[in-house]
Amino acid sequence: MHEAVTYNRYYEKFLDFREASLNFFKRVGRRKALLRKRITDKFQIIDAPIFAS
């Protein structure tokens, strides 16, 4: 989302930014192939007491 909405863009009003963000999520299906390439299942497991439930 950051790349599609905020890279090299300035939004005069918050409402303009909000609309651009919402439009990204409305059209996320069109970017499915790109997102699948960038999102992986390789997560780092954090084993620290502070994160335990």
C-alpha atoms as a PDB file:
ATOM      1  CA  MET A   1       0.000   0.000   0.000  1.00  0.00           C
ATOM      2  CA  HIS A   2       2.777   2.404   0.886  1.00  0.00           C
ATOM      3  CA  GLU A   3       4.211   2.223  -2.616  1.00  0.00           C
ATOM      4  CA  ALA A   4       0.853   2.619  -4.343  1.00  0.00           C
ATOM      5  CA  VAL A   5      -0.518   5.413  -2.167  1.00  0.00           C
ATOM      6  CA  THR A   6       2.282   7.515  -0.708  1.00  0.00           C
ATOM      7  CA  TYR A   7       5.468   7.240  -2.803  1.00  0.00           C
ATOM      8  CA  ASN A   8       6.243  10.675  -4.271  1.00  0.00           C
ATOM      9  CA  ARG A   9       2.787  11.992  -3.491  1.00  0.00           C
ATOM     10  CA  TYR A  10       1.614  14.871  -1.357  1.00  0.00           C
ATOM     11  CA  TYR A  11      -1.973  15.072  -0.220  1.00  0.00           C
ATOM     12  CA  GLU A  12      -3.127  18.574   0.583  1.00  0.00           C
ATOM     13  CA  LYS A  13      -5.995  17.291   2.694  1.00  0.00           C
ATOM     14  CA  PHE A  14      -6.391  14.213   4.840  1.00  0.00           C
ATOM     15  CA  LEU A  15      -9.580  13.342   2.977  1.00  0.00           C
ATOM     16  CA  ASP A  16      -7.561  13.046  -0.257  1.00  0.00           C
ATOM     17  CA  PHE A  17      -5.148  10.645   1.441  1.00  0.00           C
ATOM     18  CA  ARG A  18      -8.039   8.687   2.914  1.00  0.00           C
ATOM     19  CA  GLU A  19      -9.701   8.352  -0.482  1.00  0.00           C
ATOM     20  CA  ALA A  20      -6.455   7.149  -2.091  1.00  0.00           C
ATOM     21  CA  SER A  21      -6.013   4.581   0.678  1.00  0.00           C
ATOM     22  CA  LEU A  22      -9.560   3.290   0.394  1.00  0.00           C
ATOM     23  CA  ASN A  23      -9.273   3.076  -3.391  1.00  0.00           C
ATOM     24  CA  PHE A  24      -6.154   0.940  -2.984  1.00  0.00           C
ATOM     25  CA  PHE A  25      -8.074  -1.572  -0.883  1.00  0.00           C
ATOM     26  CA  LYS A  26     -11.046  -1.535  -3.259  1.00  0.00           C
ATOM     27  CA  ARG A  27      -8.699  -2.462  -6.127  1.00  0.00           C
ATOM     28  CA  VAL A  28      -6.367  -4.804  -4.254  1.00  0.00           C
ATOM     29  CA  GLY A  29      -7.582  -7.753  -6.326  1.00  0.00           C
ATOM     30  CA  ARG A  30      -6.014  -6.230  -9.432  1.00  0.00           C
ATOM     31  CA  ARG A  31      -2.610  -6.359  -7.750  1.00  0.00           C
ATOM     32  CA  LYS A  32      -2.951  -9.949  -6.535  1.00  0.00           C
ATOM     33  CA  ALA A  33      -0.046 -11.314  -8.600  1.00  0.00           C
ATOM     34  CA  LEU A  34       2.309  -8.562  -7.428  1.00  0.00           C
ATOM     35  CA  LEU A  35       1.298  -8.977  -3.790  1.00  0.00           C
ATOM     36  CA  ARG A  36       1.804 -12.750  -3.942  1.00  0.00           C
ATOM     37  CA  LYS A  37       5.365 -12.219  -5.149  1.00  0.00           C
ATOM     38  CA  ARG A  38       6.165  -9.800  -2.331  1.00  0.00           C
ATOM     39  CA  ILE A  39       4.416 -11.425   0.624  1.00  0.00           C
ATOM     40  CA  THR A  40       6.041 -14.584   1.917  1.00  0.00           C
ATOM     41  CA  ASP A  41       5.305 -17.060   4.669  1.00  0.00           C
ATOM     42  CA  LYS A  42       8.758 -16.643   6.176  1.00  0.00           C
ATOM     43  CA  PHE A  43       7.999 -15.184   9.571  1.00  0.00           C
ATOM     44  CA  GLN A  44      10.484 -14.865  12.380  1.00  0.00           C
ATOM     45  CA  ILE A  45       9.263 -16.457  15.597  1.00  0.00           C
ATOM     46  CA  ILE A  46       9.922 -14.276  18.631  1.00  0.00           C
ATOM     47  CA  ASP A  47      10.348 -16.295  21.793  1.00  0.00           C
ATOM     48  CA  ALA A  48      10.277 -13.672  24.503  1.00  0.00           C
ATOM     49  CA  PRO A  49       8.219 -13.606  27.709  1.00  0.00           C
ATOM     50  CA  ILE A  50       6.926 -10.125  26.930  1.00  0.00           C
ATOM     51  CA  PHE A  51       5.097 -11.461  23.865  1.00  0.00           C
ATOM     52  CA  ALA A  52       3.640 -14.537  25.562  1.00  0.00           C
ATOM     53  CA  SER A  53      -0.049 -14.551  26.400  1.00  0.00           C
END
